[in-house]
C-alpha atoms as a PDB file:
ATOM      1  CA  MET A   1       8.268   6.353  -2.283  1.00  0.00           C
ATOM      2  CA  THR A   2      10.297   8.003  -4.925  1.00  0.00           C
ATOM      3  CA  LYS A   3       8.940  11.100  -6.357  1.00  0.00           C
ATOM      4  CA  ASN A   4       9.569  14.219  -7.995  1.00  0.00           C
ATOM      5  CA  VAL A   5       7.633  17.737  -8.702  1.00  0.00           C
ATOM      6  CA  THR A   6       7.137  19.240 -12.004  1.00  0.00           C
ATOM      7  CA  SER A   7       5.511  22.920 -11.727  1.00  0.00           C
ATOM      8  CA  VAL A   8       3.303  23.794 -15.046  1.00  0.00           C
ATOM      9  CA  ASP A   9       2.009  26.775 -16.096  1.00  0.00           C
ATOM     10  CA  THR A  10      -1.493  27.099 -17.242  1.00  0.00           C
ATOM     11  CA  PRO A  11      -4.136  29.542 -18.191  1.00  0.00           C
ATOM     12  CA  ALA A  12      -5.839  29.081 -14.817  1.00  0.00           C
ATOM     13  CA  GLY A  13      -2.210  29.573 -12.771  1.00  0.00           C
ATOM     14  CA  GLN A  14       0.385  27.439 -11.860  1.00  0.00           C
ATOM     15  CA  ALA A  15      -0.333  23.719 -11.410  1.00  0.00           C
ATOM     16  CA  ARG A  16       1.965  21.057  -9.899  1.00  0.00           C
ATOM     17  CA  ILE A  17       2.717  17.471 -10.477  1.00  0.00           C
ATOM     18  CA  THR A  18       4.133  15.305  -8.272  1.00  0.00           C
ATOM     19  CA  TRP A  19       5.707  11.786  -9.967  1.00  0.00           C
ATOM     20  CA  PHE A  20       5.864   8.394  -8.401  1.00  0.00           C
ATOM     21  CA  PRO A  21       7.919   6.658 -11.325  1.00  0.00           C
ATOM     22  CA  GLY A  22       6.808   3.143 -11.813  1.00  0.00           C
ATOM     23  CA  LYS A  23       9.017   0.054 -12.160  1.00  0.00           C
ATOM     24  CA  GLN A  24       9.536  -0.536 -15.984  1.00  0.00           C
ATOM     25  CA  ALA A  25       6.490   1.685 -16.465  1.00  0.00           C
ATOM     26  CA  ARG A  26       3.587   0.746 -18.879  1.00  0.00           C
ATOM     27  CA  LEU A  27       1.494   3.237 -18.513  1.00  0.00           C
ATOM     28  CA  VAL A  28       0.826   6.588 -16.610  1.00  0.00           C
ATOM     29  CA  LEU A  29      -1.934   7.131 -14.254  1.00  0.00           C
ATOM     30  CA  ALA A  30      -2.594  10.926 -13.703  1.00  0.00           C
ATOM     31  CA  VAL A  31      -5.159  11.643 -10.790  1.00  0.00           C
ATOM     32  CA  SER A  32      -6.178  15.286  -9.421  1.00  0.00           C
ATOM     33  CA  ASN A  33      -7.475  16.197  -6.510  1.00  0.00           C
ATOM     34  CA  GLY A  34     -11.142  17.133  -5.438  1.00  0.00           C
ATOM     35  CA  ALA A  35     -12.784  20.290  -4.909  1.00  0.00           C
ATOM     36  CA  GLY A  36     -12.178  19.928  -1.167  1.00  0.00           C
ATOM     37  CA  GLY A  37      -8.520  18.851  -0.525  1.00  0.00           C
ATOM     38  CA  GLY A  38      -5.315  17.956  -2.022  1.00  0.00           C
ATOM     39  CA  ILE A  39      -3.489  14.936  -3.039  1.00  0.00           C
ATOM     40  CA  GLU A  40      -2.850  13.957   0.403  1.00  0.00           C
ATOM     41  CA  ALA A  41      -5.952  12.125   0.275  1.00  0.00           C
ATOM     42  CA  ARG A  42      -6.050   8.600   1.392  1.00  0.00           C
ATOM     43  CA  ASP A  43      -6.716   6.943  -1.975  1.00  0.00           C
ATOM     44  CA  LEU A  44      -4.397   9.107  -3.849  1.00  0.00           C
ATOM     45  CA  GLN A  45      -1.732   8.261  -1.280  1.00  0.00           C
ATOM     46  CA  ALA A  46      -2.749   4.678  -1.255  1.00  0.00           C
ATOM     47  CA  LEU A  47      -2.067   4.597  -5.268  1.00  0.00           C
ATOM     48  CA  ALA A  48       0.808   6.456  -5.344  1.00  0.00           C
ATOM     49  CA  ALA A  49       2.318   3.717  -2.711  1.00  0.00           C
ATOM     50  CA  GLU A  50       1.166   0.847  -4.608  1.00  0.00           C
ATOM     51  CA  LEU A  51       1.260   0.945  -8.130  1.00  0.00           C
ATOM     52  CA  PRO A  52       4.839   2.252  -9.369  1.00  0.00           C
ATOM     53  CA  ALA A  53       5.907  -1.363  -8.054  1.00  0.00           C
ATOM     54  CA  ARG A  54       3.179  -2.672 -10.621  1.00  0.00           C
ATOM     55  CA  GLY A  55       4.574  -0.893 -13.624  1.00  0.00           C
ATOM     56  CA  VAL A  56       2.197   2.109 -13.502  1.00  0.00           C
ATOM     57  CA  THR A  57       3.742   5.762 -12.738  1.00  0.00           C
ATOM     58  CA  VAL A  58       1.774   7.578 -10.713  1.00  0.00           C
ATOM     59  CA  ALA A  59       0.955  11.329 -11.341  1.00  0.00           C
ATOM     60  CA  LEU A  60      -0.791  13.223  -8.464  1.00  0.00           C
ATOM     61  CA  VAL A  61      -1.971  16.462 -10.220  1.00  0.00           C
ATOM     62  CA  GLU A  62      -2.460  19.764  -7.999  1.00  0.00           C
ATOM     63  CA  GLN A  63      -4.731  21.926  -9.928  1.00  0.00           C
ATOM     64  CA  PRO A  64      -3.951  25.686  -9.888  1.00  0.00           C
ATOM     65  CA  TRP A  65      -6.586  26.741  -7.144  1.00  0.00           C
ATOM     66  CA  ARG A  66      -5.312  24.235  -4.852  1.00  0.00           C
ATOM     67  CA  VAL A  67      -1.619  25.317  -5.470  1.00  0.00           C
ATOM     68  CA  ALA A  68      -2.394  28.977  -5.043  1.00  0.00           C
ATOM     69  CA  GLY A  69      -3.719  27.994  -1.602  1.00  0.00           C
ATOM     70  CA  LYS A  70      -7.421  28.726  -2.229  1.00  0.00           C
ATOM     71  CA  LYS A  71     -10.008  27.032  -0.320  1.00  0.00           C
ATOM     72  CA  VAL A  72     -12.607  26.658  -3.151  1.00  0.00           C
ATOM     73  CA  ALA A  73     -12.320  25.171  -6.333  1.00  0.00           C
ATOM     74  CA  PRO A  74     -13.406  27.240  -9.516  1.00  0.00           C
ATOM     75  CA  ALA A  75     -15.687  26.527 -12.181  1.00  0.00           C
ATOM     76  CA  PRO A  76     -15.830  23.253 -14.003  1.00  0.00           C
ATOM     77  CA  LYS A  77     -14.941  25.096 -16.918  1.00  0.00           C
ATOM     78  CA  THR A  78     -11.397  26.791 -15.574  1.00  0.00           C
ATOM     79  CA  LEU A  79     -10.654  23.335 -13.890  1.00  0.00           C
ATOM     80  CA  ASP A  80     -11.169  21.831 -17.459  1.00  0.00           C
ATOM     81  CA  THR A  81      -8.785  24.492 -18.710  1.00  0.00           C
ATOM     82  CA  GLY A  82      -6.022  23.648 -16.457  1.00  0.00           C
ATOM     83  CA  TRP A  83      -6.244  19.955 -16.912  1.00  0.00           C
ATOM     84  CA  ARG A  84      -6.058  20.419 -20.811  1.00  0.00           C
ATOM     85  CA  ALA A  85      -2.898  22.646 -20.429  1.00  0.00           C
ATOM     86  CA  LEU A  86      -1.284  19.933 -17.810  1.00  0.00           C
ATOM     87  CA  TRP A  87      -1.894  17.138 -20.587  1.00  0.00           C
ATOM     88  CA  PRO A  88       1.135  17.901 -22.567  1.00  0.00           C
ATOM     89  CA  THR A  89       3.537  17.058 -19.566  1.00  0.00           C
ATOM     90  CA  LEU A  90       1.494  14.203 -18.424  1.00  0.00           C
ATOM     91  CA  ALA A  91       2.262  12.445 -21.894  1.00  0.00           C
ATOM     92  CA  GLU A  92       5.917  13.531 -22.005  1.00  0.00           C
ATOM     93  CA  PRO A  93       7.282  10.021 -20.778  1.00  0.00           C
ATOM     94  CA  GLY A  94       5.472   8.618 -23.988  1.00  0.00           C
ATOM     95  CA  LEU A  95       3.267   5.892 -22.379  1.00  0.00           C
ATOM     96  CA  PRO A  96      -0.568   5.807 -22.401  1.00  0.00           C
ATOM     97  CA  VAL A  97      -1.834   8.309 -19.974  1.00  0.00           C
ATOM     98  CA  ILE A  98      -4.965   7.261 -17.863  1.00  0.00           C
ATOM     99  CA  ALA A  99      -6.952  10.594 -16.930  1.00  0.00           C
ATOM    100  CA  GLY A 100      -7.939  10.427 -13.504  1.00  0.00           C
ATOM    101  CA  GLY A 101      -9.151  12.247 -10.372  1.00  0.00           C
ATOM    102  CA  ARG A 102     -11.044  12.104  -7.279  1.00  0.00           C
ATOM    103  CA  SER A 103     -14.741  13.730  -7.065  1.00  0.00           C
ATOM    104  CA  ALA A 104     -14.521  16.962  -8.709  1.00  0.00           C
ATOM    105  CA  GLY A 105     -11.260  15.775 -10.595  1.00  0.00           C
ATOM    106  CA  ALA A 106     -13.133  12.647 -11.754  1.00  0.00           C
ATOM    107  CA  ARG A 107     -15.615  14.967 -13.590  1.00  0.00           C
ATOM    108  CA  VAL A 108     -12.934  16.527 -15.241  1.00  0.00           C
ATOM    109  CA  ALA A 109     -11.349  13.500 -16.378  1.00  0.00           C
ATOM    110  CA  CYS A 110     -14.523  12.303 -17.969  1.00  0.00           C
ATOM    111  CA  ARG A 111     -15.191  15.551 -19.763  1.00  0.00           C
ATOM    112  CA  THR A 112     -12.280  15.675 -21.212  1.00  0.00           C
ATOM    113  CA  ALA A 113     -10.791  12.176 -22.056  1.00  0.00           C
ATOM    114  CA  GLN A 114     -11.758  11.853 -25.769  1.00  0.00           C
ATOM    115  CA  GLU A 115     -10.830  15.383 -26.628  1.00  0.00           C
ATOM    116  CA  LEU A 116      -7.245  14.843 -24.795  1.00  0.00           C
ATOM    117  CA  GLY A 117      -6.836  11.264 -26.241  1.00  0.00           C
ATOM    118  CA  ALA A 118      -6.950   9.440 -22.759  1.00  0.00           C
ATOM    119  CA  HIS A 119      -5.924   5.798 -22.676  1.00  0.00           C
ATOM    120  CA  ALA A 120      -8.932   5.435 -20.053  1.00  0.00           C
ATOM    121  CA  VAL A 121     -10.383   6.991 -16.946  1.00  0.00           C
ATOM    122  CA  LEU A 122     -10.445   6.329 -13.204  1.00  0.00           C
ATOM    123  CA  ALA A 123     -13.140   8.008 -11.554  1.00  0.00           C
ATOM    124  CA  LEU A 124     -12.736   7.974  -7.554  1.00  0.00           C
ATOM    125  CA  SER A 125     -15.605   8.904  -5.634  1.00  0.00           C
ATOM    126  CA  PHE A 126     -17.431  10.026  -8.771  1.00  0.00           C
ATOM    127  CA  PRO A 127     -19.914  12.903  -7.366  1.00  0.00           C
ATOM    128  CA  LEU A 128     -23.171  11.448  -9.192  1.00  0.00           C
ATOM    129  CA  HIS A 129     -25.215  14.043  -7.422  1.00  0.00           C
ATOM    130  CA  PRO A 130     -24.922  16.529  -4.965  1.00  0.00           C
ATOM    131  CA  PRO A 131     -25.679  15.165  -1.489  1.00  0.00           C
ATOM    132  CA  GLY A 132     -29.760  14.819  -1.299  1.00  0.00           C
ATOM    133  CA  LYS A 133     -30.691  15.770  -4.673  1.00  0.00           C
ATOM    134  CA  PRO A 134     -30.316  12.704  -7.001  1.00  0.00           C
ATOM    135  CA  GLU A 135     -32.541  14.645  -9.490  1.00  0.00           C
ATOM    136  CA  LYS A 136     -29.431  16.777 -10.341  1.00  0.00           C
ATOM    137  CA  SER A 137     -27.662  13.585 -11.812  1.00  0.00           C
ATOM    138  CA  ARG A 138     -24.093  13.906 -13.725  1.00  0.00           C
ATOM    139  CA  ALA A 139     -24.387  10.678 -15.112  1.00  0.00           C
ATOM    140  CA  ASP A 140     -24.225  12.094 -18.420  1.00  0.00           C
ATOM    141  CA  GLU A 141     -20.534  13.048 -17.868  1.00  0.00           C
ATOM    142  CA  LEU A 142     -19.717   9.605 -16.964  1.00  0.00           C
ATOM    143  CA  LEU A 143     -21.238   7.656 -19.606  1.00  0.00           C
ATOM    144  CA  GLY A 144     -19.924  10.521 -21.852  1.00  0.00           C
ATOM    145  CA  ALA A 145     -16.192   9.743 -21.323  1.00  0.00           C
ATOM    146  CA  GLY A 146     -16.159   7.394 -24.453  1.00  0.00           C
ATOM    147  CA  VAL A 147     -13.061   5.255 -23.158  1.00  0.00           C
ATOM    148  CA  PRO A 148     -12.604   2.631 -21.033  1.00  0.00           C
ATOM    149  CA  THR A 149     -13.521   3.793 -17.258  1.00  0.00           C
ATOM    150  CA  LEU A 150     -13.576   2.529 -13.978  1.00  0.00           C
ATOM    151  CA  VAL A 151     -15.316   3.976 -11.064  1.00  0.00           C
ATOM    152  CA  VAL A 152     -14.391   3.457  -7.424  1.00  0.00           C
ATOM    153  CA  GLN A 153     -17.062   4.252  -5.152  1.00  0.00           C
ATOM    154  CA  GLY A 154     -17.886   4.279  -1.423  1.00  0.00           C
ATOM    155  CA  GLY A 155     -20.777   2.239  -0.730  1.00  0.00           C
ATOM    156  CA  ASN A 156     -21.879   5.079   1.618  1.00  0.00           C
ATOM    157  CA  ASP A 157     -21.227   7.999  -0.577  1.00  0.00           C
ATOM    158  CA  PRO A 158     -24.061  10.795  -0.304  1.00  0.00           C
ATOM    159  CA  PHE A 159     -22.565  11.839  -3.389  1.00  0.00           C
ATOM    160  CA  GLY A 160     -23.900   8.806  -5.025  1.00  0.00           C
ATOM    161  CA  LYS A 161     -24.000   5.043  -3.837  1.00  0.00           C
ATOM    162  CA  PRO A 162     -23.280   2.275  -6.045  1.00  0.00           C
ATOM    163  CA  ALA A 163     -26.588   1.372  -6.542  1.00  0.00           C
ATOM    164  CA  GLU A 164     -27.758   4.663  -7.367  1.00  0.00           C
ATOM    165  CA  PHE A 165     -25.357   4.437 -10.767  1.00  0.00           C
ATOM    166  CA  PRO A 166     -26.950   3.629 -13.982  1.00  0.00           C
ATOM    167  CA  ASP A 167     -26.836   0.309 -15.475  1.00  0.00           C
ATOM    168  CA  ASP A 168     -24.702   0.874 -18.664  1.00  0.00           C
ATOM    169  CA  ASP A 169     -21.868  -1.160 -19.902  1.00  0.00           C
ATOM    170  CA  SER A 170     -19.632   1.793 -20.852  1.00  0.00           C
ATOM    171  CA  TYR A 171     -17.535   1.837 -17.240  1.00  0.00           C
ATOM    172  CA  GLU A 172     -16.510  -0.653 -14.307  1.00  0.00           C
ATOM    173  CA  LEU A 173     -17.952  -0.122 -10.984  1.00  0.00           C
ATOM    174  CA  VAL A 174     -16.074  -1.378  -7.846  1.00  0.00           C
ATOM    175  CA  GLU A 175     -17.634  -0.520  -4.412  1.00  0.00           C
ATOM    176  CA  VAL A 176     -15.581  -0.038  -1.440  1.00  0.00           C
ATOM    177  CA  PRO A 177     -18.033  -1.103   1.367  1.00  0.00           C
ATOM    178  CA  TYR A 178     -18.989   1.382   4.106  1.00  0.00           C
ATOM    179  CA  GLY A 179     -17.002   3.840   2.557  1.00  0.00           C
ATOM    180  CA  ASP A 180     -17.784   7.678   2.634  1.00  0.00           C
ATOM    181  CA  HIS A 181     -16.909  10.295  -0.277  1.00  0.00           C
ATOM    182  CA  GLY A 182     -13.252  10.245   1.289  1.00  0.00           C
ATOM    183  CA  PHE A 183     -13.039   6.547   1.481  1.00  0.00           C
ATOM    184  CA  ALA A 184     -13.410   6.629   5.376  1.00  0.00           C
ATOM    185  CA  VAL A 185     -15.045   3.688   7.006  1.00  0.00           C
ATOM    186  CA  PRO A 186     -16.416   3.907  10.440  1.00  0.00           C
ATOM    187  CA  LYS A 187     -14.936   2.107  13.362  1.00  0.00           C
ATOM    188  CA  ARG A 188     -18.079  -0.442  13.357  1.00  0.00           C
ATOM    189  CA  ALA A 189     -17.794  -1.443   9.876  1.00  0.00           C
ATOM    190  CA  GLU A 190     -16.889  -5.065   9.322  1.00  0.00           C
ATOM    191  CA  ILE A 191     -13.646  -3.815   7.373  1.00  0.00           C
ATOM    192  CA  GLY A 192     -10.717  -1.625   8.686  1.00  0.00           C
ATOM    193  CA  GLN A 193      -9.497   1.185   6.968  1.00  0.00           C
ATOM    194  CA  GLU A 194      -6.234  -0.526   5.302  1.00  0.00           C
ATOM    195  CA  GLU A 195      -8.559  -3.167   4.220  1.00  0.00           C
ATOM    196  CA  ALA A 196     -10.934  -0.527   2.398  1.00  0.00           C
ATOM    197  CA  LEU A 197      -7.672   1.171   0.958  1.00  0.00           C
ATOM    198  CA  GLU A 198      -6.538  -2.540  -0.275  1.00  0.00           C
ATOM    199  CA  VAL A 199     -10.055  -2.737  -2.041  1.00  0.00           C
ATOM    200  CA  ILE A 200      -9.026   0.409  -3.998  1.00  0.00           C
ATOM    201  CA  THR A 201      -5.363  -0.370  -4.850  1.00  0.00           C
ATOM    202  CA  ASP A 202      -6.348  -3.981  -5.618  1.00  0.00           C
ATOM    203  CA  ALA A 203      -8.929  -3.024  -8.012  1.00  0.00           C
ATOM    204  CA  VAL A 204      -6.957  -0.098  -9.755  1.00  0.00           C
ATOM    205  CA  SER A 205      -4.071  -2.864 -10.135  1.00  0.00           C
ATOM    206  CA  GLU A 206      -6.290  -5.304 -11.884  1.00  0.00           C
ATOM    207  CA  TRP A 207      -8.088  -2.917 -14.040  1.00  0.00           C
ATOM    208  CA  THR A 208      -4.611  -1.274 -15.093  1.00  0.00           C
ATOM    209  CA  GLY A 209      -2.965  -4.974 -15.996  1.00  0.00           C
ATOM    210  CA  ARG A 210      -5.974  -5.581 -18.562  1.00  0.00           C
ATOM    211  CA  LEU A 211      -5.395  -2.400 -19.897  1.00  0.00           C
ATOM    212  CA  GLY A 212      -1.930  -2.957 -20.921  1.00  0.00           C
END
């Protein structure tokens, strides 16, 4: 994969963007890491490998806490601050920018989408609620994104299974069968790990194709 790296100073510290330029790109898909991992996540790497050939530049964003080597993400307000400061760099190619992220990064994308003028939102493993606490719903963040939104959710995600999501036409939802919060599938599953990743890349490719 062809890539290049940009460092960006933000009020929350230095962030990093790893760019995977698209062929005759028409969109930028900017996706940030979750609260427990970095851009090496299997879904983010799969998107970076597949989408550039389909006209989408992928920008994998490492939030400042991750670049600094910390193991625990800061408060949501700090995550939002870092993301806002990154946005002008993400918009530099002059293309519509899809705000995205996995887990905590998906929440950031939803919370800031309208304010930043995002073209759409991609929410990977949206943490609808803390595990075992469905009463602490974060559905309002998802429903408040205000732009076309695609949720890609593992069928066995303890942070919210697909059936738990509200019935609302403000977003689309694609299920990755058997997938957990990191889209890992058990060996006993009827689909393999590569097939699970193909569900993700195919869904995102089809959706971005409809966005323009």
